[in-house]
Structures are given as structure tokens and as C-alpha cells.
Amino acid sequence: MAPIIPASLSIPSMPSPGGITSSAASTGGLAFQSVLGDAISKVEKFQNDADNSVNKFLSGEGEELHKVALATQQADLSFQLFMQVRNKVVTAYNQVMQMQV
């Protein structure tokens, strides 16, 4: 058998925690805020679409039942996914806040 040759790993140097500037932190904060805002607006759009679909079906405007069911399920699943992501973010925030410095 041939001997095992260890692979050389190149580990990039990490900046020190003091090296993070407030502008870099605020840019990350703005990006997070933007992503969160987009997710909320998409969930809200799915909910509004489902409500409109149900109202059209109930008023007899020609909306088909399977389209109503799909719209309501899509709204429900998007809300459940959003809530799971929110729970993970809250858990991560709580873990960071409990860290000893």
C-alpha cells in the first residue's frame, strides 16, 4: 500500500474582532433588513393572493376550487417557513447574547 500523504491546508487569516468597522456592520445590518423585509412582503403577498382567491370563489367569479386550495396551501406553507426561520434567528440571537466575553 502507498503511504497516506497529508493534504496541505491553507487557512485564511481571520480579521480580529476589533477590525470590524461600524460601516461594515451597518452594511450587513442593512442587507439583513432588506432580506427580512422582502421575505415578509412575499409572505404577505401569498396571504393576500389566497384571500382574493377565496373571495372570488365564494362570490362565484369563476375561481376554480383547486386553484383556491393551492393558493391557501402556498400561503400557509410560506408562513410556516417564515416562522421557522424567525425561530432560528431568535434562537441564534439568544445564544449570542448568552456568550461570555
PDB file of N, CA and C in Angstrom:
ATOM      1  N   MET A   1       0.822  -1.177   0.000  1.00  0.00           N
ATOM      2  CA  MET A   1       0.000   0.000   0.000  1.00  0.00           C
ATOM      3  C   MET A   1       0.868   1.243   0.000  1.00  0.00           C
ATOM      4  N   ALA A   2       0.361   2.251  -0.664  1.00  0.00           N
ATOM      5  CA  ALA A   2       1.078   3.521  -0.706  1.00  0.00           C
ATOM      6  C   ALA A   2       0.831   4.277   0.590  1.00  0.00           C
ATOM      7  N   PRO A   3       1.816   5.009   1.070  1.00  0.00           N
ATOM      8  CA  PRO A   3       1.621   5.761   2.307  1.00  0.00           C
ATOM      9  C   PRO A   3       0.621   6.897   2.093  1.00  0.00           C
ATOM     10  N   ILE A   4      -0.050   7.233   3.160  1.00  0.00           N
ATOM     11  CA  ILE A   4      -1.013   8.339   3.104  1.00  0.00           C
ATOM     12  C   ILE A   4      -0.252   9.641   3.253  1.00  0.00           C
ATOM     13  N   ILE A   5      -0.434  10.521   2.291  1.00  0.00           N
ATOM     14  CA  ILE A   5       0.244  11.818   2.311  1.00  0.00           C
ATOM     15  C   ILE A   5      -0.768  12.864   2.770  1.00  0.00           C
ATOM     16  N   PRO A   6      -0.479  13.566   3.851  1.00  0.00           N
ATOM     17  CA  PRO A   6      -1.440  14.570   4.323  1.00  0.00           C
ATOM     18  C   PRO A   6      -1.560  15.722   3.325  1.00  0.00           C
ATOM     19  N   ALA A   7      -2.752  16.164   3.153  1.00  0.00           N
ATOM     20  CA  ALA A   7      -3.001  17.298   2.269  1.00  0.00           C
ATOM     21  C   ALA A   7      -2.630  18.569   2.991  1.00  0.00           C
ATOM     22  N   SER A   8      -2.076  19.497   2.248  1.00  0.00           N
ATOM     23  CA  SER A   8      -1.740  20.772   2.879  1.00  0.00           C
ATOM     24  C   SER A   8      -2.973  21.665   2.829  1.00  0.00           C
ATOM     25  N   LEU A   9      -3.290  22.208   3.975  1.00  0.00           N
ATOM     26  CA  LEU A   9      -4.449  23.079   4.069  1.00  0.00           C
ATOM     27  C   LEU A   9      -3.990  24.515   4.218  1.00  0.00           C
ATOM     28  N   SER A  10      -4.602  25.356   3.486  1.00  0.00           N
ATOM     29  CA  SER A  10      -4.316  26.778   3.584  1.00  0.00           C
ATOM     30  C   SER A  10      -5.490  27.430   4.297  1.00  0.00           C
ATOM     31  N   ILE A  11      -5.260  27.894   5.507  1.00  0.00           N
ATOM     32  CA  ILE A  11      -6.313  28.516   6.290  1.00  0.00           C
ATOM     33  C   ILE A  11      -6.141  30.030   6.195  1.00  0.00           C
ATOM     34  N   PRO A  12      -7.145  30.710   5.650  1.00  0.00           N
ATOM     35  CA  PRO A  12      -7.013  32.169   5.532  1.00  0.00           C
ATOM     36  C   PRO A  12      -7.021  32.817   6.910  1.00  0.00           C
ATOM     37  N   SER A  13      -6.309  33.909   7.006  1.00  0.00           N
ATOM     38  CA  SER A  13      -6.277  34.601   8.294  1.00  0.00           C
ATOM     39  C   SER A  13      -7.590  35.335   8.500  1.00  0.00           C
ATOM     40  N   MET A  14      -8.057  35.286   9.725  1.00  0.00           N
ATOM     41  CA  MET A  14      -9.312  35.930  10.083  1.00  0.00           C
ATOM     42  C   MET A  14      -9.009  37.300  10.661  1.00  0.00           C
ATOM     43  N   PRO A  15      -9.824  38.301  10.332  1.00  0.00           N
ATOM     44  CA  PRO A  15      -9.597  39.610  10.939  1.00  0.00           C
ATOM     45  C   PRO A  15      -9.954  39.564  12.415  1.00  0.00           C
ATOM     46  N   SER A  16      -9.285  40.381  13.176  1.00  0.00           N
ATOM     47  CA  SER A  16      -9.588  40.421  14.607  1.00  0.00           C
ATOM     48  C   SER A  16     -10.959  41.059  14.807  1.00  0.00           C
ATOM     49  N   PRO A  17     -11.643  40.713  15.896  1.00  0.00           N
ATOM     50  CA  PRO A  17     -12.959  41.299  16.133  1.00  0.00           C
ATOM     51  C   PRO A  17     -12.925  42.818  16.190  1.00  0.00           C
ATOM     52  N   GLY A  18     -11.816  43.383  16.617  1.00  0.00           N
ATOM     53  CA  GLY A  18     -11.708  44.839  16.650  1.00  0.00           C
ATOM     54  C   GLY A  18     -11.548  45.437  15.274  1.00  0.00           C
ATOM     55  N   GLY A  19     -11.229  44.609  14.266  1.00  0.00           N
ATOM     56  CA  GLY A  19     -11.011  45.093  12.912  1.00  0.00           C
ATOM     57  C   GLY A  19     -12.290  45.332  12.137  1.00  0.00           C
ATOM     58  N   ILE A  20     -13.423  44.976  12.704  1.00  0.00           N
ATOM     59  CA  ILE A  20     -14.691  45.185  12.013  1.00  0.00           C
ATOM     60  C   ILE A  20     -15.134  46.612  12.263  1.00  0.00           C
ATOM     61  N   THR A  21     -15.350  47.333  11.179  1.00  0.00           N
ATOM     62  CA  THR A  21     -15.746  48.726  11.319  1.00  0.00           C
ATOM     63  C   THR A  21     -17.254  48.837  11.435  1.00  0.00           C
ATOM     64  N   SER A  22     -17.692  49.964  11.905  1.00  0.00           N
ATOM     65  CA  SER A  22     -19.132  50.168  12.057  1.00  0.00           C
ATOM     66  C   SER A  22     -19.823  50.231  10.703  1.00  0.00           C
ATOM     67  N   SER A  23     -19.122  50.711   9.660  1.00  0.00           N
ATOM     68  CA  SER A  23     -19.750  50.762   8.332  1.00  0.00           C
ATOM     69  C   SER A  23     -19.960  49.358   7.785  1.00  0.00           C
ATOM     70  N   ALA A  24     -19.027  48.445   8.063  1.00  0.00           N
ATOM     71  CA  ALA A  24     -19.204  47.064   7.614  1.00  0.00           C
ATOM     72  C   ALA A  24     -20.355  46.413   8.372  1.00  0.00           C
ATOM     73  N   ALA A  25     -20.466  46.692   9.653  1.00  0.00           N
ATOM     74  CA  ALA A  25     -21.557  46.124  10.446  1.00  0.00           C
ATOM     75  C   ALA A  25     -22.894  46.707  10.010  1.00  0.00           C
ATOM     76  N   SER A  26     -22.920  47.998   9.698  1.00  0.00           N
ATOM     77  CA  SER A  26     -24.184  48.604   9.283  1.00  0.00           C
ATOM     78  C   SER A  26     -24.586  48.114   7.906  1.00  0.00           C
ATOM     79  N   THR A  27     -23.635  47.856   7.022  1.00  0.00           N
ATOM     80  CA  THR A  27     -23.957  47.306   5.702  1.00  0.00           C
ATOM     81  C   THR A  27     -24.560  45.923   5.845  1.00  0.00           C
ATOM     82  N   GLY A  28     -24.005  45.107   6.724  1.00  0.00           N
ATOM     83  CA  GLY A  28     -24.568  43.788   6.979  1.00  0.00           C
ATOM     84  C   GLY A  28     -25.956  43.892   7.577  1.00  0.00           C
ATOM     85  N   GLY A  29     -26.138  44.871   8.453  1.00  0.00           N
ATOM     86  CA  GLY A  29     -27.449  45.093   9.051  1.00  0.00           C
ATOM     87  C   GLY A  29     -28.473  45.514   8.020  1.00  0.00           C
ATOM     88  N   LEU A  30     -28.059  46.367   7.097  1.00  0.00           N
ATOM     89  CA  LEU A  30     -28.981  46.803   6.049  1.00  0.00           C
ATOM     90  C   LEU A  30     -29.324  45.658   5.111  1.00  0.00           C
ATOM     91  N   ALA A  31     -28.343  44.804   4.821  1.00  0.00           N
ATOM     92  CA  ALA A  31     -28.613  43.657   3.953  1.00  0.00           C
ATOM     93  C   ALA A  31     -29.584  42.699   4.636  1.00  0.00           C
ATOM     94  N   PHE A  32     -29.394  42.468   5.921  1.00  0.00           N
ATOM     95  CA  PHE A  32     -30.295  41.589   6.669  1.00  0.00           C
ATOM     96  C   PHE A  32     -31.695  42.187   6.711  1.00  0.00           C
ATOM     97  N   GLN A  33     -31.773  43.474   6.940  1.00  0.00           N
ATOM     98  CA  GLN A  33     -33.068  44.154   6.978  1.00  0.00           C
ATOM     99  C   GLN A  33     -33.769  44.043   5.634  1.00  0.00           C
ATOM    100  N   SER A  34     -33.021  44.172   4.562  1.00  0.00           N
ATOM    101  CA  SER A  34     -33.596  44.068   3.221  1.00  0.00           C
ATOM    102  C   SER A  34     -34.127  42.662   2.945  1.00  0.00           C
ATOM    103  N   VAL A  35     -33.350  41.654   3.311  1.00  0.00           N
ATOM    104  CA  VAL A  35     -33.780  40.266   3.105  1.00  0.00           C
ATOM    105  C   VAL A  35     -35.010  39.960   3.945  1.00  0.00           C
ATOM    106  N   LEU A  36     -35.009  40.407   5.177  1.00  0.00           N
ATOM    107  CA  LEU A  36     -36.145  40.180   6.060  1.00  0.00           C
ATOM    108  C   LEU A  36     -37.394  40.897   5.545  1.00  0.00           C
ATOM    109  N   GLY A  37     -37.229  42.123   5.090  1.00  0.00           N
ATOM    110  CA  GLY A  37     -38.358  42.875   4.537  1.00  0.00           C
ATOM    111  C   GLY A  37     -38.929  42.220   3.292  1.00  0.00           C
ATOM    112  N   ASP A  38     -38.046  41.715   2.420  1.00  0.00           N
ATOM    113  CA  ASP A  38     -38.508  41.012   1.215  1.00  0.00           C
ATOM    114  C   ASP A  38     -39.278  39.745   1.580  1.00  0.00           C
ATOM    115  N   ALA A  39     -38.789  39.013   2.566  1.00  0.00           N
ATOM    116  CA  ALA A  39     -39.466  37.778   2.979  1.00  0.00           C
ATOM    117  C   ALA A  39     -40.843  38.081   3.547  1.00  0.00           C
ATOM    118  N   ILE A  40     -40.935  39.123   4.356  1.00  0.00           N
ATOM    119  CA  ILE A  40     -42.228  39.498   4.929  1.00  0.00           C
ATOM    120  C   ILE A  40     -43.197  39.915   3.833  1.00  0.00           C
ATOM    121  N   SER A  41     -42.717  40.688   2.874  1.00  0.00           N
ATOM    122  CA  SER A  41     -43.609  41.136   1.793  1.00  0.00           C
ATOM    123  C   SER A  41     -44.069  39.973   0.920  1.00  0.00           C
ATOM    124  N   LYS A  42     -43.200  38.984   0.699  1.00  0.00           N
ATOM    125  CA  LYS A  42     -43.610  37.815  -0.097  1.00  0.00           C
ATOM    126  C   LYS A  42     -44.660  36.988   0.642  1.00  0.00           C
ATOM    127  N   VAL A  43     -44.468  36.790   1.941  1.00  0.00           N
ATOM    128  CA  VAL A  43     -45.455  36.046   2.730  1.00  0.00           C
ATOM    129  C   VAL A  43     -46.784  36.793   2.717  1.00  0.00           C
ATOM    130  N   GLU A  44     -46.721  38.106   2.870  1.00  0.00           N
ATOM    131  CA  GLU A  44     -47.942  38.916   2.856  1.00  0.00           C
ATOM    132  C   GLU A  44     -48.632  38.842   1.496  1.00  0.00           C
ATOM    133  N   LYS A  45     -47.836  38.821   0.416  1.00  0.00           N
ATOM    134  CA  LYS A  45     -48.415  38.711  -0.935  1.00  0.00           C
ATOM    135  C   LYS A  45     -49.118  37.366  -1.102  1.00  0.00           C
ATOM    136  N   PHE A  46     -48.509  36.282  -0.638  1.00  0.00           N
ATOM    137  CA  PHE A  46     -49.145  34.967  -0.733  1.00  0.00           C
ATOM    138  C   PHE A  46     -50.451  34.945   0.062  1.00  0.00           C
ATOM    139  N   GLN A  47     -50.457  35.572   1.238  1.00  0.00           N
ATOM    140  CA  GLN A  47     -51.671  35.611   2.055  1.00  0.00           C
ATOM    141  C   GLN A  47     -52.766  36.413   1.354  1.00  0.00           C
ATOM    142  N   ASN A  48     -52.400  37.558   0.773  1.00  0.00           N
ATOM    143  CA  ASN A  48     -53.375  38.379   0.058  1.00  0.00           C
ATOM    144  C   ASN A  48     -53.920  37.666  -1.164  1.00  0.00           C
ATOM    145  N   ASP A  49     -53.047  36.975  -1.900  1.00  0.00           N
ATOM    146  CA  ASP A  49     -53.487  36.207  -3.072  1.00  0.00           C
ATOM    147  C   ASP A  49     -54.467  35.108  -2.664  1.00  0.00           C
ATOM    148  N   ALA A  50     -54.186  34.441  -1.560  1.00  0.00           N
ATOM    149  CA  ALA A  50     -55.085  33.392  -1.078  1.00  0.00           C
ATOM    150  C   ALA A  50     -56.430  33.977  -0.669  1.00  0.00           C
ATOM    151  N   ASP A  51     -56.403  35.114   0.025  1.00  0.00           N
ATOM    152  CA  ASP A  51     -57.659  35.761   0.419  1.00  0.00           C
ATOM    153  C   ASP A  51     -58.484  36.168  -0.798  1.00  0.00           C
ATOM    154  N   ASN A  52     -57.812  36.750  -1.796  1.00  0.00           N
ATOM    155  CA  ASN A  52     -58.518  37.145  -3.022  1.00  0.00           C
ATOM    156  C   ASN A  52     -59.095  35.937  -3.738  1.00  0.00           C
ATOM    157  N   SER A  53     -58.350  34.860  -3.779  1.00  0.00           N
ATOM    158  CA  SER A  53     -58.804  33.643  -4.434  1.00  0.00           C
ATOM    159  C   SER A  53     -60.034  33.067  -3.729  1.00  0.00           C
ATOM    160  N   VAL A  54     -60.011  33.042  -2.411  1.00  0.00           N
ATOM    161  CA  VAL A  54     -61.153  32.537  -1.646  1.00  0.00           C
ATOM    162  C   VAL A  54     -62.371  33.436  -1.867  1.00  0.00           C
ATOM    163  N   ASN A  55     -62.161  34.750  -1.833  1.00  0.00           N
ATOM    164  CA  ASN A  55     -63.276  35.678  -2.041  1.00  0.00           C
ATOM    165  C   ASN A  55     -63.879  35.533  -3.435  1.00  0.00           C
ATOM    166  N   LYS A  56     -63.034  35.358  -4.454  1.00  0.00           N
ATOM    167  CA  LYS A  56     -63.541  35.153  -5.821  1.00  0.00           C
ATOM    168  C   LYS A  56     -64.335  33.853  -5.917  1.00  0.00           C
ATOM    169  N   PHE A  57     -63.837  32.813  -5.252  1.00  0.00           N
ATOM    170  CA  PHE A  57     -64.538  31.532  -5.282  1.00  0.00           C
ATOM    171  C   PHE A  57     -65.898  31.641  -4.598  1.00  0.00           C
ATOM    172  N   LEU A  58     -65.921  32.289  -3.442  1.00  0.00           N
ATOM    173  CA  LEU A  58     -67.167  32.393  -2.682  1.00  0.00           C
ATOM    174  C   LEU A  58     -68.193  33.305  -3.355  1.00  0.00           C
ATOM    175  N   SER A  59     -67.705  34.293  -4.096  1.00  0.00           N
ATOM    176  CA  SER A  59     -68.635  35.195  -4.773  1.00  0.00           C
ATOM    177  C   SER A  59     -69.067  34.658  -6.137  1.00  0.00           C
ATOM    178  N   GLY A  60     -68.494  33.530  -6.566  1.00  0.00           N
ATOM    179  CA  GLY A  60     -68.893  32.911  -7.825  1.00  0.00           C
ATOM    180  C   GLY A  60     -68.293  33.567  -9.049  1.00  0.00           C
ATOM    181  N   GLU A  61     -67.121  34.140  -8.926  1.00  0.00           N
ATOM    182  CA  GLU A  61     -66.473  34.821 -10.052  1.00  0.00           C
ATOM    183  C   GLU A  61     -65.673  33.875 -10.933  1.00  0.00           C
ATOM    184  N   GLY A  62     -65.910  32.591 -10.839  1.00  0.00           N
ATOM    185  CA  GLY A  62     -65.264  31.645 -11.741  1.00  0.00           C
ATOM    186  C   GLY A  62     -63.924  31.097 -11.259  1.00  0.00           C
ATOM    187  N   GLU A  63     -63.564  31.336 -10.037  1.00  0.00           N
ATOM    188  CA  GLU A  63     -62.313  30.782  -9.495  1.00  0.00           C
ATOM    189  C   GLU A  63     -62.521  29.295  -9.235  1.00  0.00           C
ATOM    190  N   GLU A  64     -61.581  28.492  -9.696  1.00  0.00           N
ATOM    191  CA  GLU A  64     -61.713  27.040  -9.539  1.00  0.00           C
ATOM    192  C   GLU A  64     -61.238  26.603  -8.161  1.00  0.00           C
ATOM    193  N   LEU A  65     -61.852  25.536  -7.660  1.00  0.00           N
ATOM    194  CA  LEU A  65     -61.586  25.070  -6.298  1.00  0.00           C
ATOM    195  C   LEU A  65     -60.129  24.658  -6.109  1.00  0.00           C
ATOM    196  N   HIS A  66     -59.548  23.976  -7.095  1.00  0.00           N
ATOM    197  CA  HIS A  66     -58.159  23.525  -6.919  1.00  0.00           C
ATOM    198  C   HIS A  66     -57.193  24.706  -6.873  1.00  0.00           C
ATOM    199  N   LYS A  67     -57.504  25.795  -7.577  1.00  0.00           N
ATOM    200  CA  LYS A  67     -56.651  26.978  -7.508  1.00  0.00           C
ATOM    201  C   LYS A  67     -56.746  27.640  -6.131  1.00  0.00           C
ATOM    202  N   VAL A  68     -57.941  27.615  -5.561  1.00  0.00           N
ATOM    203  CA  VAL A  68     -58.135  28.164  -4.220  1.00  0.00           C
ATOM    204  C   VAL A  68     -57.349  27.335  -3.202  1.00  0.00           C
ATOM    205  N   ALA A  69     -57.441  26.020  -3.327  1.00  0.00           N
ATOM    206  CA  ALA A  69     -56.726  25.137  -2.403  1.00  0.00           C
ATOM    207  C   ALA A  69     -55.217  25.327  -2.533  1.00  0.00           C
ATOM    208  N   LEU A  70     -54.722  25.444  -3.761  1.00  0.00           N
ATOM    209  CA  LEU A  70     -53.284  25.648  -3.956  1.00  0.00           C
ATOM    210  C   LEU A  70     -52.826  26.993  -3.382  1.00  0.00           C
ATOM    211  N   ALA A  71     -53.618  28.023  -3.595  1.00  0.00           N
ATOM    212  CA  ALA A  71     -53.239  29.347  -3.090  1.00  0.00           C
ATOM    213  C   ALA A  71     -53.212  29.367  -1.564  1.00  0.00           C
ATOM    214  N   THR A  72     -54.205  28.740  -0.937  1.00  0.00           N
ATOM    215  CA  THR A  72     -54.223  28.729   0.530  1.00  0.00           C
ATOM    216  C   THR A  72     -53.091  27.876   1.099  1.00  0.00           C
ATOM    217  N   GLN A  73     -52.788  26.774   0.451  1.00  0.00           N
ATOM    218  CA  GLN A  73     -51.680  25.936   0.924  1.00  0.00           C
ATOM    219  C   GLN A  73     -50.340  26.644   0.735  1.00  0.00           C
ATOM    220  N   GLN A  74     -50.191  27.350  -0.380  1.00  0.00           N
ATOM    221  CA  GLN A  74     -48.952  28.092  -0.623  1.00  0.00           C
ATOM    222  C   GLN A  74     -48.780  29.180   0.444  1.00  0.00           C
ATOM    223  N   ALA A  75     -49.862  29.879   0.769  1.00  0.00           N
ATOM    224  CA  ALA A  75     -49.796  30.915   1.798  1.00  0.00           C
ATOM    225  C   ALA A  75     -49.463  30.301   3.156  1.00  0.00           C
ATOM    226  N   ASP A  76     -50.078  29.169   3.470  1.00  0.00           N
ATOM    227  CA  ASP A  76     -49.828  28.504   4.749  1.00  0.00           C
ATOM    228  C   ASP A  76     -48.384  28.020   4.854  1.00  0.00           C
ATOM    229  N   LEU A  77     -47.887  27.394   3.799  1.00  0.00           N
ATOM    230  CA  LEU A  77     -46.508  26.892   3.824  1.00  0.00           C
ATOM    231  C   LEU A  77     -45.493  28.022   3.897  1.00  0.00           C
ATOM    232  N   SER A  78     -45.736  29.113   3.177  1.00  0.00           N
ATOM    233  CA  SER A  78     -44.794  30.229   3.227  1.00  0.00           C
ATOM    234  C   SER A  78     -44.779  30.848   4.626  1.00  0.00           C
ATOM    235  N   PHE A  79     -45.946  30.928   5.265  1.00  0.00           N
ATOM    236  CA  PHE A  79     -46.000  31.464   6.632  1.00  0.00           C
ATOM    237  C   PHE A  79     -45.288  30.540   7.612  1.00  0.00           C
ATOM    238  N   GLN A  80     -45.499  29.232   7.482  1.00  0.00           N
ATOM    239  CA  GLN A  80     -44.827  28.276   8.369  1.00  0.00           C
ATOM    240  C   GLN A  80     -43.315  28.339   8.200  1.00  0.00           C
ATOM    241  N   LEU A  81     -42.849  28.431   6.946  1.00  0.00           N
ATOM    242  CA  LEU A  81     -41.411  28.525   6.694  1.00  0.00           C
ATOM    243  C   LEU A  81     -40.847  29.806   7.295  1.00  0.00           C
ATOM    244  N   PHE A  82     -41.563  30.906   7.114  1.00  0.00           N
ATOM    245  CA  PHE A  82     -41.112  32.175   7.683  1.00  0.00           C
ATOM    246  C   PHE A  82     -41.017  32.096   9.207  1.00  0.00           C
ATOM    247  N   MET A  83     -41.995  31.468   9.832  1.00  0.00           N
ATOM    248  CA  MET A  83     -41.970  31.347  11.283  1.00  0.00           C
ATOM    249  C   MET A  83     -40.812  30.471  11.753  1.00  0.00           C
ATOM    250  N   GLN A  84     -40.494  29.417  11.023  1.00  0.00           N
ATOM    251  CA  GLN A  84     -39.359  28.574  11.389  1.00  0.00           C
ATOM    252  C   GLN A  84     -38.038  29.341  11.269  1.00  0.00           C
ATOM    253  N   VAL A  85     -37.906  30.125  10.210  1.00  0.00           N
ATOM    254  CA  VAL A  85     -36.691  30.938  10.043  1.00  0.00           C
ATOM    255  C   VAL A  85     -36.611  31.970  11.164  1.00  0.00           C
ATOM    256  N   ARG A  86     -37.739  32.597  11.498  1.00  0.00           N
ATOM    257  CA  ARG A  86     -37.756  33.559  12.595  1.00  0.00           C
ATOM    258  C   ARG A  86     -37.332  32.902  13.903  1.00  0.00           C
ATOM    259  N   ASN A  87     -37.839  31.700  14.156  1.00  0.00           N
ATOM    260  CA  ASN A  87     -37.470  30.994  15.387  1.00  0.00           C
ATOM    261  C   ASN A  87     -35.981  30.697  15.429  1.00  0.00           C
ATOM    262  N   LYS A  88     -35.407  30.315  14.290  1.00  0.00           N
ATOM    263  CA  LYS A  88     -33.963  30.045  14.243  1.00  0.00           C
ATOM    264  C   LYS A  88     -33.163  31.322  14.490  1.00  0.00           C
ATOM    265  N   VAL A  89     -33.606  32.445  13.928  1.00  0.00           N
ATOM    266  CA  VAL A  89     -32.901  33.710  14.130  1.00  0.00           C
ATOM    267  C   VAL A  89     -32.979  34.128  15.590  1.00  0.00           C
ATOM    268  N   VAL A  90     -34.136  33.976  16.198  1.00  0.00           N
ATOM    269  CA  VAL A  90     -34.283  34.333  17.620  1.00  0.00           C
ATOM    270  C   VAL A  90     -33.413  33.442  18.486  1.00  0.00           C
ATOM    271  N   THR A  91     -33.364  32.150  18.184  1.00  0.00           N
ATOM    272  CA  THR A  91     -32.521  31.228  18.940  1.00  0.00           C
ATOM    273  C   THR A  91     -31.045  31.599  18.801  1.00  0.00           C
ATOM    274  N   ALA A  92     -30.623  31.923  17.579  1.00  0.00           N
ATOM    275  CA  ALA A  92     -29.224  32.321  17.365  1.00  0.00           C
ATOM    276  C   ALA A  92     -28.909  33.611  18.110  1.00  0.00           C
ATOM    277  N   TYR A  93     -29.828  34.565  18.079  1.00  0.00           N
ATOM    278  CA  TYR A  93     -29.628  35.822  18.804  1.00  0.00           C
ATOM    279  C   TYR A  93     -29.490  35.571  20.303  1.00  0.00           C
ATOM    280  N   ASN A  94     -30.362  34.719  20.843  1.00  0.00           N
ATOM    281  CA  ASN A  94     -30.294  34.396  22.276  1.00  0.00           C
ATOM    282  C   ASN A  94     -28.984  33.716  22.635  1.00  0.00           C
ATOM    283  N   GLN A  95     -28.496  32.836  21.761  1.00  0.00           N
ATOM    284  CA  GLN A  95     -27.215  32.173  22.029  1.00  0.00           C
ATOM    285  C   GLN A  95     -26.063  33.159  22.008  1.00  0.00           C
ATOM    286  N   VAL A  96     -26.102  34.111  21.083  1.00  0.00           N
ATOM    287  CA  VAL A  96     -25.042  35.122  21.030  1.00  0.00           C
ATOM    288  C   VAL A  96     -25.091  36.002  22.274  1.00  0.00           C
ATOM    289  N   MET A  97     -26.290  36.333  22.707  1.00  0.00           N
ATOM    290  CA  MET A  97     -26.410  37.198  23.884  1.00  0.00           C
ATOM    291  C   MET A  97     -25.972  36.489  25.169  1.00  0.00           C
ATOM    292  N   GLN A  98     -26.024  35.148  25.189  1.00  0.00           N
ATOM    293  CA  GLN A  98     -25.615  34.403  26.379  1.00  0.00           C
ATOM    294  C   GLN A  98     -24.125  34.103  26.402  1.00  0.00           C
ATOM    295  N   MET A  99     -23.414  34.434  25.330  1.00  0.00           N
ATOM    296  CA  MET A  99     -21.973  34.153  25.284  1.00  0.00           C
ATOM    297  C   MET A  99     -21.232  35.008  26.304  1.00  0.00           C
ATOM    298  N   GLN A 100     -20.272  34.395  26.935  1.00  0.00           N
ATOM    299  CA  GLN A 100     -19.411  35.104  27.876  1.00  0.00           C
ATOM    300  C   GLN A 100     -18.251  35.711  27.098  1.00  0.00           C
ATOM    301  N   VAL A 101     -17.983  36.969  27.349  1.00  0.00           N
ATOM    302  CA  VAL A 101     -16.891  37.650  26.634  1.00  0.00           C
ATOM    303  C   VAL A 101     -15.684  37.724  27.522  1.00  0.00           C
TER     304      VAL A 101
END
